[in-house]
Amino acid sequence: MVVALHGAVLYGLWSARVLPPPTEAVTLFVSFINPPPQSKPQAIPPPEPPKPVKREAPRPPDPPHYHLAAQAPVMSPQEAVEPLPPPEPALALVQAPSPPAPPAPPKPTGPLTLTTELAVACPDRTPPAYPPMARRLGETGKVVLRVELDETGRVSAAQVLTSSGSNRLDAAALAAVRTWRCHPAQRDGQAVRSLATQPFNFTLEGR
């Protein structure tokens, strides 16, 4: 049955012209190419052991430098072994001499002017006498004298600063003040000459 089945299949194919006729068969030539000769594997040398890496000792940091315009050059380990020169001594600050103190103001000279009336500093004083002629004529008025005392308290000079209008009354005031004895004025604990004013009022009672 197997042979008959194959024969039926071949007959069907032959009749259908599926298979080419023997005349149209193509001869195929097959050439075998020899494989290239394999090269012998080259021997791989064993890897060299890694060389030890020489590590340099860490270099200490450079000391800080102040007030330098440029950075200090980096020195190699061989140069760093050489000793550095000693630092220059710092200059001592020279203090400028202080300016001289201003001179003391000169002590005032001349007589001292009193701010009160002369009678305040004169315990021994005599009032002026009213001139008889001026009394008969009814002359009155106020006279102001400018008086200068010496270092002993005596009157050294006197003059009329404001007249009373009567020469007799002015002369009576000058004659009286020249007999006064006063305490001398003091300046820095020393007796000095002084100036003061003294008024006199001439009035007539009963008028």
N, C-alpha and C. Protein backbone atom coordinates (compact mmCIF):
# COMPACT_ATOMS: atom_id res chain seq x y z
N MET A 1 0.83 -1.20 0.00
CA MET A 1 0.00 0.00 0.00
C MET A 1 0.87 1.26 0.00
N VAL A 2 1.99 1.16 0.68
CA VAL A 2 2.89 2.32 0.71
C VAL A 2 3.47 2.58 -0.66
N VAL A 3 3.87 1.52 -1.32
CA VAL A 3 4.46 1.66 -2.66
C VAL A 3 3.42 2.19 -3.61
N ALA A 4 2.20 1.72 -3.48
CA ALA A 4 1.14 2.15 -4.39
C ALA A 4 0.82 3.60 -4.13
N LEU A 5 0.84 3.99 -2.88
CA LEU A 5 0.56 5.40 -2.53
C LEU A 5 1.63 6.32 -3.10
N HIS A 6 2.90 5.93 -2.99
CA HIS A 6 3.96 6.75 -3.55
C HIS A 6 3.87 6.83 -5.05
N GLY A 7 3.51 5.71 -5.65
CA GLY A 7 3.41 5.72 -7.11
C GLY A 7 2.30 6.63 -7.56
N ALA A 8 1.16 6.68 -6.83
CA ALA A 8 0.05 7.55 -7.20
C ALA A 8 0.45 9.00 -7.08
N VAL A 9 1.23 9.29 -6.05
CA VAL A 9 1.68 10.69 -5.87
C VAL A 9 2.61 11.08 -6.98
N LEU A 10 3.53 10.23 -7.35
CA LEU A 10 4.47 10.55 -8.44
C LEU A 10 3.74 10.69 -9.75
N TYR A 11 2.75 9.89 -9.99
CA TYR A 11 1.99 9.98 -11.23
C TYR A 11 1.23 11.27 -11.29
N GLY A 12 0.67 11.71 -10.12
CA GLY A 12 -0.05 12.98 -10.14
C GLY A 12 0.87 14.13 -10.41
N LEU A 13 2.02 14.09 -9.83
CA LEU A 13 2.98 15.18 -10.06
C LEU A 13 3.47 15.20 -11.49
N TRP A 14 3.60 14.01 -12.07
CA TRP A 14 4.08 13.93 -13.46
C TRP A 14 3.03 14.44 -14.40
N SER A 15 1.86 14.13 -14.10
CA SER A 15 0.79 14.56 -14.99
C SER A 15 0.57 16.08 -14.85
N ALA A 16 0.76 16.61 -13.69
CA ALA A 16 0.56 18.06 -13.49
C ALA A 16 1.77 18.87 -13.93
N ARG A 17 2.79 18.27 -14.35
CA ARG A 17 4.03 18.92 -14.82
C ARG A 17 4.66 19.78 -13.72
N VAL A 18 4.47 19.30 -12.56
CA VAL A 18 5.10 20.05 -11.46
C VAL A 18 6.57 19.76 -11.42
N LEU A 19 6.89 18.49 -11.57
CA LEU A 19 8.29 18.13 -11.57
C LEU A 19 8.86 18.34 -12.94
N PRO A 20 10.02 18.86 -13.14
CA PRO A 20 10.59 19.08 -14.46
C PRO A 20 10.94 17.76 -15.09
N PRO A 21 10.87 17.73 -16.44
CA PRO A 21 11.22 16.50 -17.15
C PRO A 21 12.69 16.21 -16.98
N PRO A 22 13.11 15.01 -17.20
CA PRO A 22 14.52 14.66 -17.02
C PRO A 22 15.43 15.43 -17.93
N THR A 23 14.87 15.91 -19.11
CA THR A 23 15.72 16.64 -20.05
C THR A 23 16.02 18.04 -19.54
N GLU A 24 15.08 18.55 -18.76
CA GLU A 24 15.27 19.91 -18.26
C GLU A 24 15.98 19.91 -16.91
N ALA A 25 16.42 18.79 -16.49
CA ALA A 25 17.12 18.74 -15.20
C ALA A 25 18.45 19.45 -15.33
N VAL A 26 18.81 20.13 -14.35
CA VAL A 26 20.06 20.90 -14.31
C VAL A 26 21.02 20.18 -13.41
N THR A 27 22.20 20.07 -13.96
CA THR A 27 23.24 19.38 -13.19
C THR A 27 23.89 20.40 -12.27
N LEU A 28 24.00 20.13 -11.06
CA LEU A 28 24.61 21.01 -10.05
C LEU A 28 25.97 20.48 -9.70
N PHE A 29 26.91 21.34 -9.72
CA PHE A 29 28.27 20.98 -9.34
C PHE A 29 28.55 21.61 -7.98
N VAL A 30 28.97 20.84 -7.15
CA VAL A 30 29.27 21.29 -5.77
C VAL A 30 30.75 21.13 -5.55
N SER A 31 31.41 22.23 -5.20
CA SER A 31 32.85 22.16 -4.90
C SER A 31 33.02 22.41 -3.41
N PHE A 32 33.75 21.61 -2.87
CA PHE A 32 34.04 21.73 -1.43
C PHE A 32 35.28 22.60 -1.23
N ILE A 33 35.18 23.62 -0.46
CA ILE A 33 36.31 24.52 -0.15
C ILE A 33 36.88 24.11 1.18
N ASN A 34 38.13 23.85 1.06
CA ASN A 34 38.80 23.46 2.30
C ASN A 34 38.85 24.64 3.27
N PRO A 35 38.59 24.41 4.46
CA PRO A 35 38.66 25.52 5.46
C PRO A 35 40.10 26.01 5.60
N PRO A 36 40.26 27.31 5.82
CA PRO A 36 41.62 27.85 5.98
C PRO A 36 42.29 27.23 7.18
N PRO A 37 43.57 27.04 6.97
CA PRO A 37 44.29 26.42 8.10
C PRO A 37 44.23 27.32 9.33
N GLN A 38 43.90 26.72 10.38
CA GLN A 38 43.81 27.49 11.62
C GLN A 38 45.21 27.83 12.13
N SER A 39 45.36 29.14 12.45
CA SER A 39 46.66 29.59 12.98
C SER A 39 46.79 29.16 14.42
N LYS A 40 47.98 28.83 14.70
CA LYS A 40 48.22 28.38 16.06
C LYS A 40 48.06 29.55 17.04
N PRO A 41 47.41 29.34 18.10
CA PRO A 41 47.25 30.44 19.10
C PRO A 41 48.59 30.84 19.68
N GLN A 42 48.81 32.17 19.66
CA GLN A 42 50.05 32.71 20.21
C GLN A 42 49.99 32.71 21.73
N ALA A 43 51.13 32.45 22.25
CA ALA A 43 51.19 32.40 23.72
C ALA A 43 51.14 33.83 24.26
N ILE A 44 50.25 34.08 25.19
CA ILE A 44 50.07 35.42 25.81
C ILE A 44 50.95 35.49 27.04
N PRO A 45 51.90 36.46 27.04
CA PRO A 45 52.78 36.53 28.22
C PRO A 45 51.97 36.90 29.45
N PRO A 46 52.38 36.40 30.55
CA PRO A 46 51.64 36.74 31.78
C PRO A 46 51.78 38.23 32.08
N PRO A 47 50.76 38.85 32.62
CA PRO A 47 50.83 40.31 32.91
C PRO A 47 51.88 40.59 33.97
N GLU A 48 52.58 41.77 33.76
CA GLU A 48 53.60 42.16 34.71
C GLU A 48 52.95 42.65 36.00
N PRO A 49 53.58 42.31 37.08
CA PRO A 49 53.00 42.81 38.35
C PRO A 49 53.08 44.32 38.40
N PRO A 50 52.08 44.99 38.98
CA PRO A 50 52.10 46.47 39.05
C PRO A 50 53.26 46.97 39.88
N LYS A 51 53.88 48.03 39.37
CA LYS A 51 55.00 48.62 40.07
C LYS A 51 54.49 49.41 41.27
N PRO A 52 55.18 49.37 42.38
CA PRO A 52 54.72 50.14 43.55
C PRO A 52 54.87 51.63 43.28
N VAL A 53 53.84 52.36 43.65
CA VAL A 53 53.83 53.81 43.46
C VAL A 53 54.51 54.48 44.64
N LYS A 54 55.52 55.29 44.34
CA LYS A 54 56.24 55.99 45.39
C LYS A 54 55.46 57.23 45.80
N ARG A 55 55.04 57.22 47.03
CA ARG A 55 54.28 58.35 47.54
C ARG A 55 55.19 59.27 48.34
N GLU A 56 55.07 60.59 48.02
CA GLU A 56 55.86 61.57 48.73
C GLU A 56 55.19 61.94 50.05
N ALA A 57 56.02 62.24 50.99
CA ALA A 57 55.48 62.64 52.30
C ALA A 57 54.72 63.96 52.15
N PRO A 58 53.62 64.11 52.85
CA PRO A 58 52.86 65.37 52.71
C PRO A 58 53.68 66.55 53.19
N ARG A 59 53.68 67.59 52.40
CA ARG A 59 54.45 68.80 52.72
C ARG A 59 53.65 69.66 53.68
N PRO A 60 54.30 70.11 54.78
CA PRO A 60 53.54 70.96 55.73
C PRO A 60 53.12 72.25 55.07
N PRO A 61 51.98 72.79 55.51
CA PRO A 61 51.52 74.05 54.89
C PRO A 61 52.46 75.19 55.20
N ASP A 62 52.56 76.08 54.24
CA ASP A 62 53.43 77.24 54.40
C ASP A 62 52.88 78.16 55.47
N PRO A 63 53.76 78.77 56.26
CA PRO A 63 53.27 79.73 57.27
C PRO A 63 52.66 80.92 56.58
N PRO A 64 51.61 81.51 57.21
CA PRO A 64 50.96 82.67 56.57
C PRO A 64 51.88 83.87 56.54
N HIS A 65 51.84 84.58 55.45
CA HIS A 65 52.60 85.81 55.29
C HIS A 65 51.61 86.95 55.14
N TYR A 66 51.87 88.01 55.82
CA TYR A 66 50.98 89.16 55.78
C TYR A 66 51.67 90.31 55.08
N HIS A 67 50.85 91.14 54.44
CA HIS A 67 51.29 92.36 53.77
C HIS A 67 52.29 92.02 52.66
N LEU A 68 52.03 90.94 51.91
CA LEU A 68 52.88 90.60 50.78
C LEU A 68 52.12 90.89 49.51
N ALA A 69 52.76 91.54 48.57
CA ALA A 69 52.09 91.88 47.32
C ALA A 69 51.90 90.66 46.45
N ALA A 70 52.85 89.70 46.42
CA ALA A 70 52.75 88.51 45.60
C ALA A 70 52.87 87.29 46.49
N GLN A 71 52.29 86.16 46.01
CA GLN A 71 52.33 84.93 46.78
C GLN A 71 53.74 84.35 46.77
N ALA A 72 54.16 83.79 47.92
CA ALA A 72 55.50 83.22 48.02
C ALA A 72 55.63 82.03 47.09
N PRO A 73 56.79 81.86 46.43
CA PRO A 73 56.93 80.73 45.50
C PRO A 73 56.92 79.41 46.26
N VAL A 74 56.38 78.40 45.56
CA VAL A 74 56.31 77.06 46.14
C VAL A 74 57.67 76.39 46.00
N MET A 75 58.20 75.87 47.09
CA MET A 75 59.52 75.26 47.08
C MET A 75 59.38 73.75 46.97
N SER A 76 60.33 73.18 46.29
CA SER A 76 60.37 71.72 46.17
C SER A 76 60.84 71.11 47.47
N PRO A 77 60.65 69.79 47.67
CA PRO A 77 61.12 69.17 48.92
C PRO A 77 62.61 69.34 49.14
N GLN A 78 63.43 69.40 48.05
CA GLN A 78 64.86 69.56 48.25
C GLN A 78 65.17 70.97 48.75
N GLU A 79 64.45 71.99 48.19
CA GLU A 79 64.69 73.35 48.63
C GLU A 79 64.15 73.59 50.03
N ALA A 80 63.07 72.87 50.38
CA ALA A 80 62.49 73.08 51.70
C ALA A 80 63.41 72.61 52.79
N VAL A 81 64.36 71.74 52.48
CA VAL A 81 65.26 71.23 53.51
C VAL A 81 66.22 72.32 53.97
N GLU A 82 66.55 73.28 53.06
CA GLU A 82 67.51 74.32 53.42
C GLU A 82 66.90 75.23 54.47
N PRO A 83 67.67 75.65 55.48
CA PRO A 83 67.12 76.53 56.52
C PRO A 83 66.85 77.91 55.97
N LEU A 84 65.76 78.51 56.46
CA LEU A 84 65.39 79.85 56.02
C LEU A 84 66.17 80.87 56.84
N PRO A 85 66.48 82.03 56.24
CA PRO A 85 67.18 83.07 57.01
C PRO A 85 66.28 83.61 58.11
N PRO A 86 66.86 84.05 59.22
CA PRO A 86 66.04 84.57 60.32
C PRO A 86 65.29 85.81 59.88
N PRO A 87 64.07 86.00 60.37
CA PRO A 87 63.31 87.20 59.97
C PRO A 87 63.94 88.46 60.51
N GLU A 88 63.76 89.50 59.74
CA GLU A 88 64.32 90.79 60.16
C GLU A 88 63.55 91.31 61.36
N PRO A 89 64.26 91.95 62.30
CA PRO A 89 63.55 92.47 63.48
C PRO A 89 62.60 93.58 63.08
N ALA A 90 61.44 93.58 63.72
CA ALA A 90 60.44 94.61 63.44
C ALA A 90 60.91 95.95 63.96
N LEU A 91 60.61 96.97 63.19
CA LEU A 91 61.01 98.30 63.58
C LEU A 91 60.15 98.79 64.73
N ALA A 92 60.79 99.33 65.73
CA ALA A 92 60.05 99.84 66.88
C ALA A 92 59.36 101.15 66.50
N LEU A 93 58.14 101.29 66.96
CA LEU A 93 57.39 102.50 66.69
C LEU A 93 57.92 103.62 67.57
N VAL A 94 58.30 104.70 66.92
CA VAL A 94 58.82 105.85 67.64
C VAL A 94 57.68 106.84 67.81
N GLN A 95 57.32 107.08 69.04
CA GLN A 95 56.22 107.98 69.31
C GLN A 95 56.67 109.42 69.09
N ALA A 96 55.86 110.13 68.34
CA ALA A 96 56.19 111.50 68.05
C ALA A 96 56.12 112.31 69.34
N PRO A 97 57.04 113.22 69.51
CA PRO A 97 56.99 114.03 70.74
C PRO A 97 55.73 114.87 70.79
N SER A 98 55.14 114.92 71.96
CA SER A 98 53.92 115.71 72.13
C SER A 98 54.25 117.18 71.99
N PRO A 99 53.34 117.95 71.42
CA PRO A 99 53.60 119.38 71.26
C PRO A 99 53.73 120.05 72.62
N PRO A 100 54.57 121.05 72.69
CA PRO A 100 54.73 121.73 73.97
C PRO A 100 53.45 122.40 74.41
N ALA A 101 53.25 122.44 75.71
CA ALA A 101 52.05 123.08 76.25
C ALA A 101 52.07 124.56 75.93
N PRO A 102 50.91 125.12 75.63
CA PRO A 102 50.87 126.55 75.33
C PRO A 102 51.32 127.35 76.55
N PRO A 103 52.01 128.42 76.30
CA PRO A 103 52.47 129.23 77.43
C PRO A 103 51.31 129.80 78.21
N ALA A 104 51.50 129.94 79.49
CA ALA A 104 50.47 130.50 80.35
C ALA A 104 50.21 131.95 79.97
N PRO A 105 48.95 132.34 79.98
CA PRO A 105 48.66 133.74 79.63
C PRO A 105 49.35 134.68 80.61
N PRO A 106 49.82 135.78 80.12
CA PRO A 106 50.50 136.74 81.01
C PRO A 106 49.54 137.28 82.05
N LYS A 107 50.09 137.48 83.21
CA LYS A 107 49.27 138.03 84.29
C LYS A 107 48.89 139.47 83.97
N PRO A 108 47.65 139.82 84.27
CA PRO A 108 47.24 141.22 83.98
C PRO A 108 48.02 142.20 84.84
N THR A 109 48.33 143.27 84.22
CA THR A 109 49.06 144.35 84.90
C THR A 109 48.15 145.56 85.00
N GLY A 110 48.56 146.47 85.78
CA GLY A 110 47.77 147.69 85.97
C GLY A 110 46.85 147.55 87.17
N PRO A 111 46.20 148.63 87.54
CA PRO A 111 45.33 148.61 88.72
C PRO A 111 44.09 147.75 88.49
N LEU A 112 43.59 147.19 89.56
CA LEU A 112 42.40 146.36 89.54
C LEU A 112 41.17 147.24 89.73
N THR A 113 40.19 147.08 88.85
CA THR A 113 38.97 147.89 88.94
C THR A 113 37.99 147.22 89.89
N LEU A 114 37.57 147.94 90.94
CA LEU A 114 36.61 147.42 91.90
C LEU A 114 35.20 147.61 91.35
N THR A 115 34.35 146.63 91.64
CA THR A 115 32.97 146.69 91.16
C THR A 115 32.03 147.35 92.17
N THR A 116 32.52 147.67 93.32
CA THR A 116 31.70 148.33 94.35
C THR A 116 32.23 149.73 94.61
N GLU A 117 31.49 150.48 95.40
CA GLU A 117 31.93 151.82 95.76
C GLU A 117 33.16 151.75 96.65
N LEU A 118 33.94 152.81 96.61
CA LEU A 118 35.17 152.84 97.38
C LEU A 118 34.89 152.76 98.88
N ALA A 119 33.79 153.31 99.33
CA ALA A 119 33.48 153.34 100.76
C ALA A 119 33.37 151.94 101.35
N VAL A 120 33.06 150.90 100.54
CA VAL A 120 32.93 149.54 101.05
C VAL A 120 34.27 149.03 101.54
N ALA A 121 35.38 149.40 100.88
CA ALA A 121 36.70 148.91 101.23
C ALA A 121 37.45 149.87 102.15
N CYS A 122 36.81 150.94 102.60
CA CYS A 122 37.49 151.94 103.42
C CYS A 122 36.81 152.05 104.79
N PRO A 123 37.35 151.38 105.81
CA PRO A 123 36.73 151.50 107.12
C PRO A 123 36.99 152.87 107.78
N ASP A 124 38.05 153.55 107.42
CA ASP A 124 38.39 154.85 108.01
C ASP A 124 38.16 155.92 106.96
N ARG A 125 37.00 156.53 107.04
CA ARG A 125 36.65 157.56 106.06
C ARG A 125 35.96 158.73 106.78
N THR A 126 36.22 159.90 106.28
CA THR A 126 35.64 161.14 106.84
C THR A 126 34.74 161.76 105.79
N PRO A 127 33.49 162.09 106.15
CA PRO A 127 32.60 162.72 105.15
C PRO A 127 33.09 164.14 104.84
N PRO A 128 32.79 164.62 103.62
CA PRO A 128 33.22 165.97 103.24
C PRO A 128 32.45 167.05 104.03
N ALA A 129 33.12 168.18 104.30
CA ALA A 129 32.47 169.31 104.97
C ALA A 129 31.75 170.17 103.94
N TYR A 130 30.56 170.65 104.33
CA TYR A 130 29.79 171.48 103.40
C TYR A 130 30.43 172.87 103.40
N PRO A 131 30.83 173.36 102.24
CA PRO A 131 31.46 174.69 102.21
C PRO A 131 30.49 175.78 102.69
N PRO A 132 30.93 176.72 103.56
CA PRO A 132 30.01 177.77 104.04
C PRO A 132 29.46 178.64 102.92
N MET A 133 30.31 179.01 101.95
CA MET A 133 29.82 179.82 100.85
C MET A 133 28.78 179.09 100.03
N ALA A 134 29.00 177.80 99.80
CA ALA A 134 28.01 177.02 99.05
C ALA A 134 26.71 176.89 99.84
N ARG A 135 26.82 176.83 101.21
CA ARG A 135 25.60 176.74 102.01
C ARG A 135 24.82 178.06 101.94
N ARG A 136 25.54 179.21 102.01
CA ARG A 136 24.84 180.49 101.96
C ARG A 136 24.20 180.71 100.62
N LEU A 137 24.89 180.22 99.55
CA LEU A 137 24.33 180.38 98.20
C LEU A 137 23.31 179.30 97.87
N GLY A 138 23.18 178.30 98.75
CA GLY A 138 22.21 177.23 98.51
C GLY A 138 22.63 176.26 97.40
N GLU A 139 23.91 176.05 97.26
CA GLU A 139 24.39 175.15 96.21
C GLU A 139 24.24 173.69 96.67
N THR A 140 23.66 172.86 95.81
CA THR A 140 23.51 171.42 96.06
C THR A 140 23.87 170.65 94.79
N GLY A 141 24.02 169.35 94.96
CA GLY A 141 24.30 168.51 93.78
C GLY A 141 25.01 167.22 94.16
N LYS A 142 25.25 166.41 93.13
CA LYS A 142 25.92 165.10 93.30
C LYS A 142 27.20 165.10 92.49
N VAL A 143 28.29 164.76 93.17
CA VAL A 143 29.58 164.67 92.51
C VAL A 143 30.06 163.23 92.59
N VAL A 144 30.63 162.71 91.47
CA VAL A 144 31.17 161.34 91.41
C VAL A 144 32.66 161.47 91.16
N LEU A 145 33.47 160.83 92.05
CA LEU A 145 34.92 160.88 91.95
C LEU A 145 35.46 159.52 91.48
N ARG A 146 36.57 159.61 90.76
CA ARG A 146 37.32 158.41 90.36
C ARG A 146 38.58 158.39 91.20
N VAL A 147 38.74 157.32 92.03
CA VAL A 147 39.79 157.28 93.02
C VAL A 147 40.70 156.09 92.72
N GLU A 148 42.03 156.31 92.88
CA GLU A 148 43.01 155.23 92.71
C GLU A 148 43.72 155.01 94.04
N LEU A 149 43.81 153.70 94.43
CA LEU A 149 44.49 153.30 95.66
C LEU A 149 45.80 152.61 95.32
N ASP A 150 46.81 152.78 96.19
CA ASP A 150 48.07 152.09 95.99
C ASP A 150 48.05 150.75 96.71
N GLU A 151 49.21 150.05 96.77
CA GLU A 151 49.27 148.72 97.37
C GLU A 151 49.06 148.75 98.88
N THR A 152 49.17 149.89 99.48
CA THR A 152 48.96 149.98 100.93
C THR A 152 47.55 150.40 101.30
N GLY A 153 46.74 150.75 100.32
CA GLY A 153 45.37 151.17 100.60
C GLY A 153 45.21 152.67 100.72
N ARG A 154 46.23 153.46 100.47
CA ARG A 154 46.13 154.92 100.50
C ARG A 154 45.68 155.44 99.15
N VAL A 155 45.01 156.57 99.17
CA VAL A 155 44.55 157.20 97.93
C VAL A 155 45.74 157.88 97.28
N SER A 156 46.10 157.41 96.09
CA SER A 156 47.24 157.99 95.37
C SER A 156 46.80 159.03 94.36
N ALA A 157 45.55 158.96 93.88
CA ALA A 157 45.06 159.95 92.91
C ALA A 157 43.54 159.98 93.01
N ALA A 158 42.95 161.16 92.69
CA ALA A 158 41.50 161.32 92.68
C ALA A 158 41.16 162.43 91.70
N GLN A 159 40.06 162.24 90.99
CA GLN A 159 39.63 163.24 90.02
C GLN A 159 38.11 163.19 89.92
N VAL A 160 37.55 164.30 89.42
CA VAL A 160 36.10 164.41 89.29
C VAL A 160 35.67 163.68 88.04
N LEU A 161 34.81 162.69 88.18
CA LEU A 161 34.27 161.96 87.03
C LEU A 161 32.97 162.60 86.57
N THR A 162 32.10 163.02 87.53
CA THR A 162 30.86 163.73 87.22
C THR A 162 30.74 164.90 88.20
N SER A 163 30.68 166.11 87.66
CA SER A 163 30.65 167.29 88.51
C SER A 163 29.24 167.53 89.05
N SER A 164 29.22 168.18 90.22
CA SER A 164 27.92 168.55 90.83
C SER A 164 27.38 169.85 90.29
N GLY A 165 28.20 170.57 89.55
CA GLY A 165 27.81 171.90 89.06
C GLY A 165 28.38 173.03 89.89
N SER A 166 29.01 172.68 90.99
CA SER A 166 29.61 173.69 91.86
C SER A 166 31.06 173.30 92.11
N ASN A 167 31.97 174.25 91.82
CA ASN A 167 33.38 173.95 92.04
C ASN A 167 33.67 173.79 93.52
N ARG A 168 32.94 174.53 94.39
CA ARG A 168 33.17 174.42 95.82
C ARG A 168 32.78 173.04 96.34
N LEU A 169 31.67 172.51 95.84
CA LEU A 169 31.25 171.17 96.26
C LEU A 169 32.21 170.10 95.72
N ASP A 170 32.68 170.24 94.51
CA ASP A 170 33.61 169.25 93.93
C ASP A 170 34.93 169.27 94.71
N ALA A 171 35.43 170.46 95.09
CA ALA A 171 36.68 170.56 95.83
C ALA A 171 36.52 169.98 97.23
N ALA A 172 35.37 170.15 97.85
CA ALA A 172 35.14 169.59 99.18
C ALA A 172 35.15 168.06 99.11
N ALA A 173 34.59 167.46 98.08
CA ALA A 173 34.59 166.00 97.94
C ALA A 173 36.01 165.48 97.73
N LEU A 174 36.82 166.13 96.93
CA LEU A 174 38.20 165.69 96.68
C LEU A 174 39.04 165.79 97.95
N ALA A 175 38.84 166.86 98.71
CA ALA A 175 39.63 167.03 99.93
C ALA A 175 39.27 165.97 100.95
N ALA A 176 38.03 165.56 101.01
CA ALA A 176 37.62 164.56 102.00
C ALA A 176 38.12 163.17 101.61
N VAL A 177 38.05 162.78 100.36
CA VAL A 177 38.40 161.40 99.96
C VAL A 177 39.89 161.15 100.06
N ARG A 178 40.71 162.18 99.99
CA ARG A 178 42.15 161.99 100.07
C ARG A 178 42.60 161.60 101.48
N THR A 179 41.74 161.77 102.46
CA THR A 179 42.08 161.41 103.84
C THR A 179 41.61 160.00 104.19
N TRP A 180 40.99 159.30 103.29
CA TRP A 180 40.47 157.96 103.60
C TRP A 180 41.60 156.95 103.66
N ARG A 181 41.40 155.91 104.52
CA ARG A 181 42.32 154.76 104.59
C ARG A 181 41.50 153.51 104.26
N CYS A 182 41.95 152.75 103.27
CA CYS A 182 41.18 151.62 102.74
C CYS A 182 42.01 150.35 102.78
N HIS A 183 41.35 149.23 102.59
CA HIS A 183 42.04 147.94 102.45
C HIS A 183 42.52 147.79 101.00
N PRO A 184 43.76 147.40 100.81
CA PRO A 184 44.25 147.26 99.42
C PRO A 184 43.55 146.09 98.72
N ALA A 185 43.43 146.22 97.44
CA ALA A 185 42.83 145.13 96.64
C ALA A 185 43.83 143.98 96.52
N GLN A 186 43.31 142.77 96.35
CA GLN A 186 44.13 141.56 96.27
C GLN A 186 43.98 140.93 94.87
N ARG A 187 45.12 140.48 94.32
CA ARG A 187 45.13 139.73 93.06
C ARG A 187 46.12 138.58 93.22
N ASP A 188 45.60 137.33 93.15
CA ASP A 188 46.41 136.13 93.35
C ASP A 188 47.12 136.16 94.70
N GLY A 189 46.43 136.68 95.70
CA GLY A 189 47.00 136.71 97.04
C GLY A 189 47.99 137.83 97.29
N GLN A 190 48.11 138.76 96.35
CA GLN A 190 49.06 139.86 96.52
C GLN A 190 48.31 141.19 96.41
N ALA A 191 48.75 142.16 97.21
CA ALA A 191 48.14 143.49 97.19
C ALA A 191 48.54 144.22 95.93
N VAL A 192 47.56 144.81 95.26
CA VAL A 192 47.81 145.54 94.02
C VAL A 192 47.08 146.86 94.08
N ARG A 193 47.40 147.73 93.13
CA ARG A 193 46.70 148.99 93.01
C ARG A 193 45.28 148.73 92.48
N SER A 194 44.38 149.65 92.77
CA SER A 194 42.99 149.46 92.38
C SER A 194 42.36 150.79 92.03
N LEU A 195 41.27 150.71 91.29
CA LEU A 195 40.48 151.88 90.90
C LEU A 195 39.05 151.67 91.36
N ALA A 196 38.40 152.74 91.80
CA ALA A 196 37.02 152.67 92.25
C ALA A 196 36.37 154.04 92.08
N THR A 197 35.06 154.07 92.14
CA THR A 197 34.31 155.32 92.06
C THR A 197 33.62 155.56 93.40
N GLN A 198 33.40 156.84 93.71
CA GLN A 198 32.73 157.18 94.95
C GLN A 198 31.84 158.41 94.72
N PRO A 199 30.52 158.25 94.92
CA PRO A 199 29.62 159.40 94.77
C PRO A 199 29.46 160.14 96.11
N PHE A 200 29.15 161.45 96.01
CA PHE A 200 28.83 162.29 97.17
C PHE A 200 27.60 163.13 96.82
N ASN A 201 26.63 163.13 97.73
CA ASN A 201 25.42 163.92 97.56
C ASN A 201 25.45 165.11 98.53
N PHE A 202 25.40 166.32 98.03
CA PHE A 202 25.37 167.54 98.85
C PHE A 202 23.93 168.07 98.84
N THR A 203 23.32 168.00 100.00
CA THR A 203 21.95 168.52 100.15
C THR A 203 21.91 169.42 101.39
N LEU A 204 20.97 170.39 101.40
CA LEU A 204 20.77 171.31 102.51
C LEU A 204 19.50 170.91 103.24
N GLU A 205 19.60 170.67 104.53
CA GLU A 205 18.43 170.31 105.31
C GLU A 205 17.59 171.54 105.62
N GLY A 206 16.31 171.40 105.70
CA GLY A 206 15.41 172.50 106.00
C GLY A 206 14.96 173.24 104.76
N ARG A 207 15.39 172.80 103.61
CA ARG A 207 14.93 173.45 102.37
C ARG A 207 14.20 172.45 101.51
